[in-house]
Amino acid sequence: MATYINRGITNYAKENGITVKNNDEIYVLVQNNKEESKIYEYQIEHSKSHKVEIPSRTLAVIIIKI
């Protein structure tokens, strides 16, 4: 996976994880593939409450306040 930009969110993908920074929170998502990560990115970008539903097959979601 590579570094890429999607709808104004800077994303850093490494191995099987992806970090999405939105405002002052960093979401670290561990998922199966890039297509899944794009779904999560869209949800994060358009969520007013920063609550994103993640399927149970996803291993972890870590939200870091900065």
C-alpha atoms as a PDB file:
ATOM      1  CA  MET A   1       0.000   0.000   0.000  1.00  0.00           C
ATOM      2  CA  ALA A   2       1.123   3.557  -0.591  1.00  0.00           C
ATOM      3  CA  THR A   3       0.568   7.037   0.731  1.00  0.00           C
ATOM      4  CA  TYR A   4      -2.367   8.702  -1.014  1.00  0.00           C
ATOM      5  CA  ILE A   5      -4.824  11.578  -0.633  1.00  0.00           C
ATOM      6  CA  ASN A   6      -8.585  11.033  -0.579  1.00  0.00           C
ATOM      7  CA  ARG A   7     -11.144  13.866  -0.311  1.00  0.00           C
ATOM      8  CA  GLY A   8      -8.893  16.141   1.709  1.00  0.00           C
ATOM      9  CA  ILE A   9      -7.889  13.584   4.318  1.00  0.00           C
ATOM     10  CA  THR A  10      -4.234  12.676   4.524  1.00  0.00           C
ATOM     11  CA  ASN A  11      -3.895   8.930   4.790  1.00  0.00           C
ATOM     12  CA  TYR A  12      -0.814   6.916   5.598  1.00  0.00           C
ATOM     13  CA  ALA A  13      -1.133   3.226   4.834  1.00  0.00           C
ATOM     14  CA  LYS A  14       1.512   0.755   5.930  1.00  0.00           C
ATOM     15  CA  GLU A  15       1.312  -3.018   5.754  1.00  0.00           C
ATOM     16  CA  ASN A  16      -2.260  -3.945   6.727  1.00  0.00           C
ATOM     17  CA  GLY A  17      -3.065  -0.766   8.634  1.00  0.00           C
ATOM     18  CA  ILE A  18      -4.088   2.758   7.715  1.00  0.00           C
ATOM     19  CA  THR A  19      -4.045   5.990   9.681  1.00  0.00           C
ATOM     20  CA  VAL A  20      -6.648   8.639   8.904  1.00  0.00           C
ATOM     21  CA  LYS A  21      -6.216  12.122  10.371  1.00  0.00           C
ATOM     22  CA  ASN A  22      -9.383  14.203  10.661  1.00  0.00           C
ATOM     23  CA  ASN A  23      -9.269  17.492  12.565  1.00  0.00           C
ATOM     24  CA  ASP A  24      -7.491  16.743  15.850  1.00  0.00           C
ATOM     25  CA  GLU A  25      -8.072  13.002  15.928  1.00  0.00           C
ATOM     26  CA  ILE A  26      -6.054  10.233  14.351  1.00  0.00           C
ATOM     27  CA  TYR A  27      -7.845   7.014  13.487  1.00  0.00           C
ATOM     28  CA  VAL A  28      -5.660   3.939  13.139  1.00  0.00           C
ATOM     29  CA  LEU A  29      -7.593   1.295  11.256  1.00  0.00           C
ATOM     30  CA  VAL A  30      -6.471  -2.278  10.764  1.00  0.00           C
ATOM     31  CA  GLN A  31      -8.371  -3.802   7.883  1.00  0.00           C
ATOM     32  CA  ASN A  32      -8.100  -6.368   5.128  1.00  0.00           C
ATOM     33  CA  ASN A  33      -7.559  -4.191   2.073  1.00  0.00           C
ATOM     34  CA  LYS A  34      -7.468  -0.705   0.574  1.00  0.00           C
ATOM     35  CA  GLU A  35     -11.090  -0.908  -0.605  1.00  0.00           C
ATOM     36  CA  GLU A  36     -12.290  -1.417   2.976  1.00  0.00           C
ATOM     37  CA  SER A  37     -10.130   1.427   4.207  1.00  0.00           C
ATOM     38  CA  LYS A  38     -11.697   3.808   1.685  1.00  0.00           C
ATOM     39  CA  ILE A  39     -15.144   2.973   3.101  1.00  0.00           C
ATOM     40  CA  TYR A  40     -13.924   3.831   6.612  1.00  0.00           C
ATOM     41  CA  GLU A  41     -12.290   7.040   5.386  1.00  0.00           C
ATOM     42  CA  TYR A  42     -15.544   8.175   3.788  1.00  0.00           C
ATOM     43  CA  GLN A  43     -17.457   7.450   6.999  1.00  0.00           C
ATOM     44  CA  ILE A  44     -14.929   9.339   9.114  1.00  0.00           C
ATOM     45  CA  GLU A  45     -14.892  12.342   6.790  1.00  0.00           C
ATOM     46  CA  HIS A  46     -18.683  12.640   6.733  1.00  0.00           C
ATOM     47  CA  SER A  47     -19.373  11.758  10.363  1.00  0.00           C
ATOM     48  CA  LYS A  48     -20.209  14.752  12.545  1.00  0.00           C
ATOM     49  CA  SER A  49     -19.763  12.744  15.724  1.00  0.00           C
ATOM     50  CA  HIS A  50     -16.591  10.947  14.576  1.00  0.00           C
ATOM     51  CA  LYS A  51     -18.359   7.648  15.282  1.00  0.00           C
ATOM     52  CA  VAL A  52     -17.671   5.102  12.587  1.00  0.00           C
ATOM     53  CA  GLU A  53     -19.089   1.594  12.408  1.00  0.00           C
ATOM     54  CA  ILE A  54     -16.354  -0.950  11.767  1.00  0.00           C
ATOM     55  CA  PRO A  55     -17.113  -4.558  10.770  1.00  0.00           C
ATOM     56  CA  SER A  56     -16.209  -7.247  13.268  1.00  0.00           C
ATOM     57  CA  ARG A  57     -13.600  -8.701  10.894  1.00  0.00           C
ATOM     58  CA  THR A  58     -11.556  -5.541  11.388  1.00  0.00           C
ATOM     59  CA  LEU A  59      -8.948  -6.192  14.017  1.00  0.00           C
ATOM     60  CA  ALA A  60      -8.696  -2.800  15.683  1.00  0.00           C
ATOM     61  CA  VAL A  61      -9.713   0.830  15.606  1.00  0.00           C
ATOM     62  CA  ILE A  62      -7.640   3.198  17.706  1.00  0.00           C
ATOM     63  CA  ILE A  63      -8.676   6.841  18.089  1.00  0.00           C
ATOM     64  CA  ILE A  64      -5.931   9.151  19.319  1.00  0.00           C
ATOM     65  CA  LYS A  65      -6.784  12.683  20.436  1.00  0.00           C
ATOM     66  CA  ILE A  66      -3.999  15.138  19.593  1.00  0.00           C
END
